[in-house]
Amino acid sequence: MLDRFQNKYRIPSARAQWHGYDGGAYYITICTKNREHYFGEIVGGAVCGRDVARRVSTTNGNTDEPEMQLSEIGKIATENFQNVSVHYPYAEIPLFVVMPNHIHAIVIIDGGKIPYDRGVGMRRDHVETRRATSLRTEQMTDIANMQGWLSVVIGGLKSAVTHSANEKNIEFAWQTRFHDRIVRDQNELNRIAEYIENNVANWHLDELNKNE
């Protein structure tokens, strides 16, 4: 997986402006309300910091490796994240992990595929800022606009999962906001990818594991 990021998702690191104005990469975390374990449970291995392993039956036999057993709503969330580009062609989620009470993901926003030019349809305060400020502030406004597209994607994903839960009468709720961070260079992208890939195995160390 890391090779894929080094090849397909290579990010220039020479200048901070790489994030610029045609899109960018983001590391996002979305939590469930009150950190409830709506998405399922991690079983096997050193679960929740305990050294006693529970064997889990899988299609390949028994294993002591920790694994995420998705609930129905966890499977719905997984499907929505996997198919994000169907509904948002300018967005791609090459890597994500569904944990019991949160989701980590790398989201790529392709500014060349957004539905209209950056300057069209922006919030009024962004437009007024453009008219009244320097080129530097104008560039920062462009970044804020790209983050706005990220909010559209994440908001849509959250709404889709909530809608499915309501249709199936499944108890579920998101935390109101989500956390996002601009991925600024290739090394940072690779570190985040490694963290996501190891998230299940390191659940007992996770600060979002409220059982600790």
N, C-alpha and C. Protein backbone atom coordinates (compact mmCIF):
# COMPACT_ATOMS: atom_id res chain seq x y z
N MET A 1 0.83 -1.21 0.00
CA MET A 1 0.00 0.00 0.00
C MET A 1 0.86 1.25 0.00
N LEU A 2 1.95 1.26 0.76
CA LEU A 2 2.79 2.44 0.78
C LEU A 2 3.41 2.69 -0.59
N ASP A 3 3.74 1.62 -1.33
CA ASP A 3 4.27 1.81 -2.68
C ASP A 3 3.26 2.53 -3.55
N ARG A 4 1.99 2.21 -3.33
CA ARG A 4 0.94 2.86 -4.11
C ARG A 4 0.93 4.36 -3.84
N PHE A 5 1.14 4.73 -2.60
CA PHE A 5 1.15 6.15 -2.27
C PHE A 5 2.39 6.82 -2.86
N GLN A 6 3.52 6.12 -2.86
CA GLN A 6 4.73 6.70 -3.39
C GLN A 6 4.68 6.85 -4.90
N ASN A 7 3.89 6.01 -5.55
CA ASN A 7 3.80 6.05 -7.00
C ASN A 7 2.61 6.86 -7.49
N LYS A 8 1.41 6.41 -7.14
CA LYS A 8 0.22 7.06 -7.67
C LYS A 8 -0.08 8.38 -6.98
N TYR A 9 0.15 8.46 -5.67
CA TYR A 9 -0.23 9.64 -4.93
C TYR A 9 0.99 10.43 -4.47
N ARG A 10 1.96 10.55 -5.36
CA ARG A 10 3.15 11.31 -5.01
C ARG A 10 2.80 12.79 -4.88
N ILE A 11 3.29 13.39 -3.80
CA ILE A 11 3.01 14.79 -3.53
C ILE A 11 4.30 15.59 -3.55
N PRO A 12 4.39 16.64 -4.35
CA PRO A 12 5.58 17.48 -4.32
C PRO A 12 5.76 18.10 -2.94
N SER A 13 6.99 18.20 -2.47
CA SER A 13 7.21 18.72 -1.13
C SER A 13 8.12 19.94 -1.11
N ALA A 14 8.48 20.47 -2.27
CA ALA A 14 9.42 21.58 -2.33
C ALA A 14 8.87 22.84 -1.69
N ARG A 15 7.57 23.09 -1.84
CA ARG A 15 6.98 24.32 -1.32
C ARG A 15 5.65 24.01 -0.66
N ALA A 16 5.31 24.81 0.32
CA ALA A 16 4.02 24.64 0.99
C ALA A 16 2.88 24.88 0.02
N GLN A 17 3.15 25.66 -1.04
CA GLN A 17 2.09 25.99 -1.99
C GLN A 17 1.64 24.79 -2.80
N TRP A 18 2.29 23.62 -2.60
CA TRP A 18 1.88 22.45 -3.37
C TRP A 18 0.38 22.22 -3.22
N HIS A 19 -0.13 22.49 -2.02
CA HIS A 19 -1.54 22.23 -1.76
C HIS A 19 -2.40 23.06 -2.67
N GLY A 20 -1.87 24.22 -3.00
CA GLY A 20 -2.33 25.22 -3.89
C GLY A 20 -3.78 25.19 -4.20
N TYR A 21 -3.99 25.11 -5.48
CA TYR A 21 -5.29 25.64 -5.83
C TYR A 21 -5.99 24.72 -6.82
N ASP A 22 -5.41 23.54 -6.97
CA ASP A 22 -6.04 22.54 -7.83
C ASP A 22 -6.48 21.32 -7.04
N GLY A 23 -6.41 21.38 -5.73
CA GLY A 23 -6.83 20.26 -4.92
C GLY A 23 -5.82 19.96 -3.84
N GLY A 24 -5.95 18.80 -3.22
CA GLY A 24 -5.03 18.46 -2.16
C GLY A 24 -5.39 17.15 -1.52
N ALA A 25 -4.57 16.75 -0.57
CA ALA A 25 -4.78 15.52 0.19
C ALA A 25 -5.07 15.89 1.63
N TYR A 26 -5.99 15.19 2.24
CA TYR A 26 -6.40 15.47 3.62
C TYR A 26 -6.44 14.18 4.42
N TYR A 27 -6.07 14.29 5.67
CA TYR A 27 -6.24 13.20 6.63
C TYR A 27 -7.41 13.58 7.51
N ILE A 28 -8.45 12.76 7.51
CA ILE A 28 -9.65 13.11 8.26
C ILE A 28 -9.98 12.03 9.28
N THR A 29 -10.61 12.46 10.36
CA THR A 29 -11.12 11.57 11.40
C THR A 29 -12.55 11.97 11.70
N ILE A 30 -13.45 11.00 11.65
CA ILE A 30 -14.86 11.23 11.98
C ILE A 30 -15.23 10.28 13.11
N CYS A 31 -15.82 10.81 14.16
CA CYS A 31 -16.19 9.99 15.32
C CYS A 31 -17.70 9.84 15.43
N THR A 32 -18.11 8.78 16.09
CA THR A 32 -19.52 8.61 16.42
C THR A 32 -19.85 9.46 17.64
N LYS A 33 -21.12 9.72 17.82
CA LYS A 33 -21.56 10.51 18.97
C LYS A 33 -21.21 9.78 20.26
N ASN A 34 -20.58 10.51 21.18
CA ASN A 34 -20.17 9.97 22.48
C ASN A 34 -19.24 8.76 22.35
N ARG A 35 -18.63 8.64 21.18
CA ARG A 35 -17.70 7.53 20.91
C ARG A 35 -18.33 6.16 21.14
N GLU A 36 -19.59 6.05 20.83
CA GLU A 36 -20.27 4.75 20.94
C GLU A 36 -19.75 3.81 19.86
N HIS A 37 -19.71 2.51 20.17
CA HIS A 37 -19.17 1.51 19.25
C HIS A 37 -20.25 1.06 18.26
N TYR A 38 -20.68 1.98 17.42
CA TYR A 38 -21.73 1.66 16.46
C TYR A 38 -21.23 0.83 15.29
N PHE A 39 -19.95 0.95 14.97
CA PHE A 39 -19.44 0.32 13.75
C PHE A 39 -19.02 -1.14 13.94
N GLY A 40 -18.99 -1.62 15.17
CA GLY A 40 -18.59 -2.99 15.42
C GLY A 40 -17.57 -3.06 16.54
N GLU A 41 -16.84 -4.17 16.60
CA GLU A 41 -15.86 -4.37 17.67
C GLU A 41 -14.59 -5.00 17.09
N ILE A 42 -13.48 -4.73 17.74
CA ILE A 42 -12.21 -5.37 17.40
C ILE A 42 -12.03 -6.57 18.31
N VAL A 43 -11.81 -7.72 17.72
CA VAL A 43 -11.68 -8.96 18.48
C VAL A 43 -10.40 -9.67 18.08
N GLY A 44 -9.95 -10.55 18.99
CA GLY A 44 -8.72 -11.29 18.73
C GLY A 44 -7.50 -10.51 19.18
N GLY A 45 -6.41 -11.19 19.43
CA GLY A 45 -5.19 -10.52 19.82
C GLY A 45 -5.31 -9.88 21.18
N ALA A 46 -4.49 -8.85 21.42
CA ALA A 46 -4.50 -8.14 22.70
C ALA A 46 -5.58 -7.08 22.65
N VAL A 47 -6.83 -7.50 22.78
CA VAL A 47 -7.96 -6.59 22.66
C VAL A 47 -8.03 -5.67 23.87
N CYS A 48 -8.20 -4.39 23.61
CA CYS A 48 -8.38 -3.38 24.67
C CYS A 48 -7.25 -3.41 25.69
N GLY A 49 -6.06 -3.75 25.23
CA GLY A 49 -4.90 -3.68 26.11
C GLY A 49 -4.69 -4.92 26.94
N ARG A 50 -5.61 -5.91 26.85
CA ARG A 50 -5.43 -7.13 27.62
C ARG A 50 -4.51 -8.07 26.87
N ASP A 51 -3.76 -8.87 27.58
CA ASP A 51 -2.82 -9.79 26.95
C ASP A 51 -3.46 -11.14 26.64
N VAL A 52 -4.71 -11.31 27.04
CA VAL A 52 -5.39 -12.58 26.79
C VAL A 52 -6.04 -12.52 25.42
N ALA A 53 -5.64 -13.43 24.55
CA ALA A 53 -6.18 -13.41 23.19
C ALA A 53 -7.45 -14.24 23.12
N ARG A 54 -8.38 -13.72 22.31
CA ARG A 54 -9.59 -14.47 22.02
C ARG A 54 -9.52 -14.94 20.58
N ARG A 55 -9.67 -16.24 20.38
CA ARG A 55 -9.60 -16.75 19.02
C ARG A 55 -10.90 -16.45 18.29
N VAL A 56 -10.74 -16.01 17.03
CA VAL A 56 -11.88 -15.62 16.22
C VAL A 56 -11.94 -16.52 15.01
N SER A 57 -13.11 -17.10 14.76
CA SER A 57 -13.28 -17.97 13.60
C SER A 57 -13.42 -17.11 12.35
N THR A 58 -12.60 -17.39 11.32
CA THR A 58 -12.69 -16.70 10.05
C THR A 58 -12.77 -17.73 8.94
N THR A 59 -12.94 -17.25 7.73
CA THR A 59 -13.04 -18.16 6.59
C THR A 59 -11.74 -18.92 6.37
N ASN A 60 -10.65 -18.39 6.89
CA ASN A 60 -9.35 -19.05 6.73
C ASN A 60 -8.94 -19.85 7.95
N GLY A 61 -9.86 -20.01 8.90
CA GLY A 61 -9.52 -20.73 10.12
C GLY A 61 -9.44 -19.78 11.29
N ASN A 62 -8.74 -20.19 12.33
CA ASN A 62 -8.62 -19.36 13.53
C ASN A 62 -7.40 -18.45 13.45
N THR A 63 -7.51 -17.32 14.09
CA THR A 63 -6.40 -16.38 14.13
C THR A 63 -6.39 -15.64 15.44
N ASP A 64 -5.20 -15.29 15.89
CA ASP A 64 -5.07 -14.48 17.09
C ASP A 64 -4.82 -13.03 16.74
N GLU A 65 -4.79 -12.70 15.46
CA GLU A 65 -4.56 -11.33 15.04
C GLU A 65 -5.82 -10.51 15.28
N PRO A 66 -5.67 -9.28 15.82
CA PRO A 66 -6.85 -8.43 15.99
C PRO A 66 -7.51 -8.16 14.65
N GLU A 67 -8.80 -8.15 14.63
CA GLU A 67 -9.51 -7.80 13.40
C GLU A 67 -10.79 -7.06 13.75
N MET A 68 -11.22 -6.23 12.84
CA MET A 68 -12.44 -5.47 13.01
C MET A 68 -13.61 -6.28 12.49
N GLN A 69 -14.56 -6.58 13.39
CA GLN A 69 -15.80 -7.23 12.99
C GLN A 69 -16.87 -6.15 12.86
N LEU A 70 -17.25 -5.87 11.62
CA LEU A 70 -18.16 -4.77 11.34
C LEU A 70 -19.59 -5.12 11.70
N SER A 71 -20.28 -4.17 12.31
CA SER A 71 -21.72 -4.27 12.48
C SER A 71 -22.39 -3.94 11.15
N GLU A 72 -23.70 -4.00 11.10
CA GLU A 72 -24.39 -3.68 9.86
C GLU A 72 -24.12 -2.23 9.45
N ILE A 73 -24.13 -1.32 10.41
CA ILE A 73 -23.88 0.08 10.09
C ILE A 73 -22.40 0.28 9.72
N GLY A 74 -21.53 -0.53 10.28
CA GLY A 74 -20.12 -0.48 9.89
C GLY A 74 -19.92 -0.90 8.44
N LYS A 75 -20.68 -1.90 8.01
CA LYS A 75 -20.62 -2.34 6.61
C LYS A 75 -21.18 -1.27 5.69
N ILE A 76 -22.21 -0.59 6.12
CA ILE A 76 -22.79 0.49 5.33
C ILE A 76 -21.79 1.63 5.17
N ALA A 77 -21.13 1.99 6.26
CA ALA A 77 -20.12 3.05 6.21
C ALA A 77 -18.98 2.66 5.27
N THR A 78 -18.54 1.41 5.36
CA THR A 78 -17.46 0.92 4.50
C THR A 78 -17.85 1.04 3.03
N GLU A 79 -19.05 0.63 2.69
CA GLU A 79 -19.51 0.69 1.31
C GLU A 79 -19.56 2.12 0.79
N ASN A 80 -20.02 3.03 1.63
CA ASN A 80 -20.09 4.43 1.21
C ASN A 80 -18.71 5.02 0.98
N PHE A 81 -17.77 4.71 1.84
CA PHE A 81 -16.42 5.23 1.67
C PHE A 81 -15.74 4.63 0.44
N GLN A 82 -16.01 3.35 0.19
CA GLN A 82 -15.42 2.71 -0.98
C GLN A 82 -15.93 3.30 -2.29
N ASN A 83 -17.17 3.77 -2.29
CA ASN A 83 -17.81 4.25 -3.52
C ASN A 83 -17.94 5.76 -3.57
N VAL A 84 -17.11 6.46 -2.85
CA VAL A 84 -17.24 7.92 -2.77
C VAL A 84 -17.18 8.59 -4.13
N SER A 85 -16.33 8.08 -5.03
CA SER A 85 -16.15 8.73 -6.33
C SER A 85 -17.38 8.61 -7.23
N VAL A 86 -18.26 7.67 -6.93
CA VAL A 86 -19.49 7.53 -7.71
C VAL A 86 -20.35 8.77 -7.53
N HIS A 87 -20.41 9.28 -6.33
CA HIS A 87 -21.25 10.44 -6.02
C HIS A 87 -20.46 11.75 -6.06
N TYR A 88 -19.15 11.67 -5.85
CA TYR A 88 -18.31 12.86 -5.84
C TYR A 88 -17.09 12.58 -6.73
N PRO A 89 -17.21 12.80 -8.03
CA PRO A 89 -16.15 12.42 -8.97
C PRO A 89 -14.83 13.14 -8.72
N TYR A 90 -14.86 14.25 -8.01
CA TYR A 90 -13.65 15.01 -7.73
C TYR A 90 -12.96 14.53 -6.45
N ALA A 91 -13.49 13.50 -5.83
CA ALA A 91 -12.93 13.00 -4.57
C ALA A 91 -12.56 11.53 -4.70
N GLU A 92 -11.52 11.16 -4.00
CA GLU A 92 -11.10 9.76 -3.94
C GLU A 92 -10.62 9.47 -2.53
N ILE A 93 -10.94 8.28 -2.03
CA ILE A 93 -10.47 7.85 -0.72
C ILE A 93 -9.65 6.57 -0.93
N PRO A 94 -8.35 6.71 -1.16
CA PRO A 94 -7.53 5.55 -1.47
C PRO A 94 -7.27 4.65 -0.28
N LEU A 95 -7.43 5.19 0.94
CA LEU A 95 -7.17 4.39 2.13
C LEU A 95 -8.01 4.89 3.29
N PHE A 96 -8.67 3.97 3.98
CA PHE A 96 -9.44 4.32 5.17
C PHE A 96 -9.56 3.10 6.06
N VAL A 97 -9.93 3.35 7.31
CA VAL A 97 -10.18 2.25 8.24
C VAL A 97 -11.40 2.60 9.07
N VAL A 98 -12.32 1.64 9.18
CA VAL A 98 -13.49 1.80 10.04
C VAL A 98 -13.18 1.13 11.37
N MET A 99 -13.17 1.91 12.43
CA MET A 99 -12.91 1.44 13.77
C MET A 99 -14.23 1.39 14.55
N PRO A 100 -14.24 0.86 15.76
CA PRO A 100 -15.52 0.74 16.48
C PRO A 100 -16.29 2.05 16.62
N ASN A 101 -15.56 3.16 16.84
CA ASN A 101 -16.26 4.42 17.10
C ASN A 101 -15.74 5.59 16.27
N HIS A 102 -14.93 5.30 15.27
CA HIS A 102 -14.45 6.38 14.41
C HIS A 102 -13.94 5.83 13.09
N ILE A 103 -13.71 6.73 12.16
CA ILE A 103 -13.16 6.38 10.85
C ILE A 103 -12.00 7.32 10.55
N HIS A 104 -10.87 6.74 10.16
CA HIS A 104 -9.75 7.52 9.65
C HIS A 104 -9.71 7.34 8.13
N ALA A 105 -9.36 8.38 7.40
CA ALA A 105 -9.29 8.26 5.95
C ALA A 105 -8.34 9.29 5.37
N ILE A 106 -7.75 8.94 4.25
CA ILE A 106 -7.05 9.89 3.41
C ILE A 106 -7.99 10.25 2.26
N VAL A 107 -8.26 11.51 2.10
CA VAL A 107 -9.17 11.98 1.06
C VAL A 107 -8.39 12.84 0.09
N ILE A 108 -8.47 12.51 -1.19
CA ILE A 108 -7.84 13.28 -2.25
C ILE A 108 -8.91 14.09 -2.96
N ILE A 109 -8.75 15.42 -3.01
CA ILE A 109 -9.66 16.28 -3.73
C ILE A 109 -8.95 16.74 -5.01
N ASP A 110 -9.55 16.44 -6.16
CA ASP A 110 -9.00 16.82 -7.46
C ASP A 110 -9.69 18.08 -7.93
N GLY A 111 -8.99 19.22 -7.81
CA GLY A 111 -9.58 20.49 -8.17
C GLY A 111 -9.96 20.58 -9.63
N GLY A 112 -9.33 19.78 -10.48
CA GLY A 112 -9.65 19.79 -11.90
C GLY A 112 -10.99 19.15 -12.21
N LYS A 113 -11.58 18.45 -11.23
CA LYS A 113 -12.85 17.76 -11.45
C LYS A 113 -14.02 18.34 -10.68
N ILE A 114 -13.77 19.43 -9.94
CA ILE A 114 -14.87 20.00 -9.17
C ILE A 114 -15.92 20.54 -10.13
N PRO A 115 -17.18 20.63 -9.69
CA PRO A 115 -18.29 20.96 -10.60
C PRO A 115 -18.20 22.32 -11.26
N TYR A 116 -17.48 23.28 -10.67
CA TYR A 116 -17.34 24.60 -11.29
C TYR A 116 -16.05 25.25 -10.82
N ASP A 117 -15.68 26.35 -11.46
CA ASP A 117 -14.43 27.03 -11.14
C ASP A 117 -14.41 27.45 -9.69
N ARG A 118 -13.19 27.57 -9.15
CA ARG A 118 -13.04 27.91 -7.74
C ARG A 118 -13.73 29.21 -7.38
N GLY A 119 -13.71 30.18 -8.30
CA GLY A 119 -14.26 31.49 -7.97
C GLY A 119 -15.76 31.57 -8.10
N VAL A 120 -16.40 30.51 -8.62
CA VAL A 120 -17.84 30.52 -8.85
C VAL A 120 -18.54 29.77 -7.73
N GLY A 121 -19.57 30.36 -7.18
CA GLY A 121 -20.34 29.69 -6.16
C GLY A 121 -19.70 29.72 -4.79
N MET A 122 -18.65 30.51 -4.61
CA MET A 122 -18.03 30.61 -3.30
C MET A 122 -18.93 31.38 -2.36
N ARG A 123 -18.75 31.18 -1.08
CA ARG A 123 -19.52 31.93 -0.10
C ARG A 123 -19.24 33.42 -0.26
N ARG A 124 -20.22 34.23 0.05
CA ARG A 124 -20.09 35.67 -0.14
C ARG A 124 -18.89 36.24 0.60
N ASP A 125 -18.63 35.74 1.81
CA ASP A 125 -17.51 36.28 2.57
C ASP A 125 -16.19 35.97 1.89
N HIS A 126 -16.11 34.82 1.18
CA HIS A 126 -14.89 34.50 0.45
C HIS A 126 -14.72 35.46 -0.72
N VAL A 127 -15.81 35.75 -1.43
CA VAL A 127 -15.74 36.64 -2.58
C VAL A 127 -15.32 38.03 -2.14
N GLU A 128 -15.94 38.52 -1.07
CA GLU A 128 -15.61 39.85 -0.58
C GLU A 128 -14.16 39.92 -0.11
N THR A 129 -13.69 38.81 0.49
CA THR A 129 -12.30 38.78 0.94
C THR A 129 -11.35 38.89 -0.25
N ARG A 130 -11.69 38.22 -1.32
CA ARG A 130 -10.86 38.27 -2.52
C ARG A 130 -10.72 39.70 -3.03
N ARG A 131 -11.81 40.44 -3.01
CA ARG A 131 -11.79 41.79 -3.55
C ARG A 131 -11.00 42.75 -2.68
N ALA A 132 -10.95 42.46 -1.40
CA ALA A 132 -10.42 43.45 -0.46
C ALA A 132 -9.02 43.17 0.04
N THR A 133 -8.45 42.01 -0.30
CA THR A 133 -7.19 41.63 0.33
C THR A 133 -6.09 41.41 -0.68
N SER A 134 -4.91 41.11 -0.15
CA SER A 134 -3.72 40.91 -0.97
C SER A 134 -3.75 39.56 -1.66
N LEU A 135 -2.78 39.34 -2.56
CA LEU A 135 -2.68 38.08 -3.28
C LEU A 135 -2.48 36.92 -2.31
N ARG A 136 -1.69 37.12 -1.25
CA ARG A 136 -1.43 36.04 -0.29
C ARG A 136 -2.73 35.60 0.36
N THR A 137 -3.53 36.56 0.80
CA THR A 137 -4.80 36.21 1.42
C THR A 137 -5.73 35.57 0.41
N GLU A 138 -5.63 36.01 -0.84
CA GLU A 138 -6.44 35.41 -1.90
C GLU A 138 -6.09 33.94 -2.06
N GLN A 139 -4.81 33.62 -1.97
CA GLN A 139 -4.39 32.22 -2.06
C GLN A 139 -4.93 31.41 -0.89
N MET A 140 -4.90 31.99 0.30
CA MET A 140 -5.43 31.30 1.46
C MET A 140 -6.94 31.07 1.32
N THR A 141 -7.62 32.02 0.68
CA THR A 141 -9.05 31.84 0.43
C THR A 141 -9.29 30.66 -0.49
N ASP A 142 -8.41 30.49 -1.50
CA ASP A 142 -8.53 29.34 -2.38
C ASP A 142 -8.40 28.04 -1.60
N ILE A 143 -7.47 27.99 -0.66
CA ILE A 143 -7.30 26.79 0.17
C ILE A 143 -8.58 26.53 0.97
N ALA A 144 -9.13 27.59 1.55
CA ALA A 144 -10.36 27.43 2.32
C ALA A 144 -11.47 26.90 1.43
N ASN A 145 -11.49 27.34 0.18
CA ASN A 145 -12.53 26.86 -0.73
C ASN A 145 -12.37 25.38 -1.00
N MET A 146 -11.12 24.90 -1.17
CA MET A 146 -10.90 23.48 -1.38
C MET A 146 -11.32 22.68 -0.15
N GLN A 147 -11.05 23.23 1.03
CA GLN A 147 -11.50 22.56 2.25
C GLN A 147 -13.03 22.53 2.29
N GLY A 148 -13.66 23.53 1.66
CA GLY A 148 -15.12 23.51 1.56
C GLY A 148 -15.61 22.32 0.76
N TRP A 149 -14.89 21.97 -0.32
CA TRP A 149 -15.25 20.79 -1.09
C TRP A 149 -15.07 19.52 -0.26
N LEU A 150 -14.03 19.50 0.57
CA LEU A 150 -13.85 18.37 1.48
C LEU A 150 -15.05 18.25 2.40
N SER A 151 -15.54 19.36 2.91
CA SER A 151 -16.70 19.34 3.81
C SER A 151 -17.93 18.82 3.10
N VAL A 152 -18.07 19.15 1.82
CA VAL A 152 -19.20 18.63 1.04
C VAL A 152 -19.15 17.11 0.98
N VAL A 153 -17.95 16.58 0.71
CA VAL A 153 -17.79 15.12 0.60
C VAL A 153 -18.08 14.44 1.94
N ILE A 154 -17.45 14.92 3.01
CA ILE A 154 -17.62 14.27 4.30
C ILE A 154 -19.05 14.42 4.79
N GLY A 155 -19.63 15.61 4.59
CA GLY A 155 -21.03 15.80 4.98
C GLY A 155 -21.95 14.86 4.24
N GLY A 156 -21.68 14.66 2.95
CA GLY A 156 -22.50 13.74 2.16
C GLY A 156 -22.37 12.30 2.62
N LEU A 157 -21.14 11.89 2.95
CA LEU A 157 -20.92 10.53 3.44
C LEU A 157 -21.64 10.31 4.77
N LYS A 158 -21.52 11.28 5.66
CA LYS A 158 -22.18 11.16 6.96
C LYS A 158 -23.70 11.09 6.79
N SER A 159 -24.23 11.92 5.91
CA SER A 159 -25.68 11.92 5.68
C SER A 159 -26.16 10.60 5.10
N ALA A 160 -25.38 10.03 4.17
CA ALA A 160 -25.76 8.77 3.55
C ALA A 160 -25.81 7.63 4.58
N VAL A 161 -24.80 7.59 5.46
CA VAL A 161 -24.78 6.54 6.48
C VAL A 161 -25.95 6.73 7.46
N THR A 162 -26.20 7.97 7.87
CA THR A 162 -27.31 8.24 8.78
C THR A 162 -28.64 7.87 8.14
N HIS A 163 -28.80 8.20 6.87
CA HIS A 163 -30.05 7.88 6.16
C HIS A 163 -30.28 6.37 6.13
N SER A 164 -29.24 5.60 5.83
CA SER A 164 -29.36 4.14 5.80
C SER A 164 -29.71 3.60 7.19
N ALA A 165 -29.08 4.15 8.21
CA ALA A 165 -29.38 3.71 9.57
C ALA A 165 -30.84 3.97 9.92
N ASN A 166 -31.34 5.14 9.54
CA ASN A 166 -32.75 5.47 9.81
C ASN A 166 -33.69 4.54 9.06
N GLU A 167 -33.36 4.25 7.82
CA GLU A 167 -34.20 3.36 7.02
C GLU A 167 -34.28 1.97 7.63
N LYS A 168 -33.20 1.51 8.22
CA LYS A 168 -33.14 0.17 8.78
C LYS A 168 -33.43 0.15 10.29
N ASN A 169 -33.82 1.31 10.82
CA ASN A 169 -34.12 1.43 12.26
C ASN A 169 -32.95 0.99 13.12
N ILE A 170 -31.74 1.40 12.72
CA ILE A 170 -30.53 1.11 13.47
C ILE A 170 -30.16 2.34 14.29
N GLU A 171 -29.93 2.14 15.57
CA GLU A 171 -29.51 3.26 16.41
C GLU A 171 -28.13 3.72 15.97
N PHE A 172 -28.01 4.99 15.67
CA PHE A 172 -26.73 5.51 15.19
C PHE A 172 -26.73 7.02 15.21
N ALA A 173 -25.57 7.62 15.51
CA ALA A 173 -25.41 9.07 15.42
C ALA A 173 -23.93 9.41 15.29
N TRP A 174 -23.64 10.46 14.52
CA TRP A 174 -22.29 10.96 14.36
C TRP A 174 -21.98 12.05 15.38
N GLN A 175 -20.73 12.23 15.68
CA GLN A 175 -20.29 13.47 16.30
C GLN A 175 -20.52 14.60 15.31
N THR A 176 -20.85 15.78 15.79
CA THR A 176 -21.27 16.86 14.90
C THR A 176 -20.21 17.23 13.88
N ARG A 177 -18.98 17.37 14.29
CA ARG A 177 -17.93 17.81 13.38
C ARG A 177 -16.97 16.68 13.05
N PHE A 178 -16.01 17.00 12.19
CA PHE A 178 -14.93 16.05 11.90
C PHE A 178 -13.61 16.80 11.93
N HIS A 179 -12.54 16.05 12.14
CA HIS A 179 -11.21 16.65 12.20
C HIS A 179 -10.50 16.42 10.86
N ASP A 180 -9.90 17.47 10.32
CA ASP A 180 -9.15 17.30 9.08
C ASP A 180 -7.80 18.00 9.18
N ARG A 181 -6.84 17.45 8.46
CA ARG A 181 -5.50 18.04 8.41
C ARG A 181 -4.98 17.94 6.99
N ILE A 182 -4.43 19.04 6.49
CA ILE A 182 -3.82 19.02 5.17
C ILE A 182 -2.56 18.16 5.21
N VAL A 183 -2.44 17.24 4.26
CA VAL A 183 -1.23 16.43 4.14
C VAL A 183 -0.25 17.21 3.27
N ARG A 184 0.88 17.62 3.84
CA ARG A 184 1.73 18.61 3.20
C ARG A 184 2.86 18.03 2.36
N ASP A 185 3.24 16.77 2.57
CA ASP A 185 4.31 16.22 1.75
C ASP A 185 4.22 14.71 1.73
N GLN A 186 5.08 14.11 0.92
CA GLN A 186 5.04 12.67 0.71
C GLN A 186 5.32 11.88 1.98
N ASN A 187 6.31 12.32 2.76
CA ASN A 187 6.64 11.61 3.99
C ASN A 187 5.47 11.59 4.96
N GLU A 188 4.79 12.72 5.07
CA GLU A 188 3.63 12.77 5.95
C GLU A 188 2.53 11.85 5.45
N LEU A 189 2.32 11.83 4.14
CA LEU A 189 1.32 10.93 3.56
C LEU A 189 1.62 9.48 3.87
N ASN A 190 2.88 9.10 3.74
CA ASN A 190 3.27 7.72 4.02
C ASN A 190 3.12 7.36 5.50
N ARG A 191 3.46 8.31 6.39
CA ARG A 191 3.29 8.06 7.83
C ARG A 191 1.81 7.85 8.18
N ILE A 192 0.97 8.67 7.60
CA ILE A 192 -0.47 8.54 7.87
C ILE A 192 -1.00 7.22 7.33
N ALA A 193 -0.55 6.85 6.14
CA ALA A 193 -0.98 5.57 5.56
C ALA A 193 -0.58 4.41 6.45
N GLU A 194 0.63 4.45 6.98
CA GLU A 194 1.10 3.39 7.86
C GLU A 194 0.26 3.34 9.15
N TYR A 195 -0.05 4.52 9.68
CA TYR A 195 -0.87 4.59 10.90
C TYR A 195 -2.25 3.98 10.65
N ILE A 196 -2.86 4.31 9.53
CA ILE A 196 -4.18 3.78 9.21
C ILE A 196 -4.13 2.27 9.07
N GLU A 197 -3.11 1.77 8.39
CA GLU A 197 -3.00 0.33 8.17
C GLU A 197 -2.80 -0.45 9.47
N ASN A 198 -2.20 0.20 10.46
CA ASN A 198 -1.93 -0.47 11.74
C ASN A 198 -2.94 -0.12 12.83
N ASN A 199 -3.99 0.61 12.47
CA ASN A 199 -4.91 1.12 13.47
C ASN A 199 -5.63 0.01 14.24
N VAL A 200 -6.05 -1.01 13.53
CA VAL A 200 -6.75 -2.12 14.20
C VAL A 200 -5.82 -2.83 15.18
N ALA A 201 -4.60 -3.13 14.74
CA ALA A 201 -3.65 -3.83 15.59
C ALA A 201 -3.28 -3.02 16.84
N ASN A 202 -3.35 -1.69 16.71
CA ASN A 202 -2.96 -0.82 17.82
C ASN A 202 -4.16 -0.24 18.57
N TRP A 203 -5.30 -0.88 18.44
CA TRP A 203 -6.51 -0.36 19.08
C TRP A 203 -6.35 -0.19 20.58
N HIS A 204 -5.62 -1.11 21.21
CA HIS A 204 -5.45 -1.02 22.66
C HIS A 204 -4.66 0.22 23.08
N LEU A 205 -3.98 0.86 22.14
CA LEU A 205 -3.22 2.08 22.43
C LEU A 205 -3.94 3.34 21.97
N ASP A 206 -5.07 3.16 21.28
CA ASP A 206 -5.76 4.29 20.64
C ASP A 206 -6.42 5.19 21.67
N GLU A 207 -6.20 6.49 21.55
CA GLU A 207 -6.80 7.43 22.48
C GLU A 207 -8.32 7.49 22.34
N LEU A 208 -8.84 7.00 21.22
CA LEU A 208 -10.29 6.97 21.02
C LEU A 208 -10.92 5.69 21.56
N ASN A 209 -10.10 4.81 22.12
CA ASN A 209 -10.61 3.59 22.74
C ASN A 209 -11.05 3.92 24.15
N LYS A 210 -12.33 4.17 24.31
CA LYS A 210 -12.82 4.65 25.60
C LYS A 210 -12.87 3.56 26.66
N ASN A 211 -12.57 2.32 26.25
CA ASN A 211 -12.54 1.22 27.22
C ASN A 211 -11.23 1.20 28.01
N GLU A 212 -10.26 2.01 27.53
CA GLU A 212 -8.96 2.01 28.23
C GLU A 212 -9.03 2.77 29.52
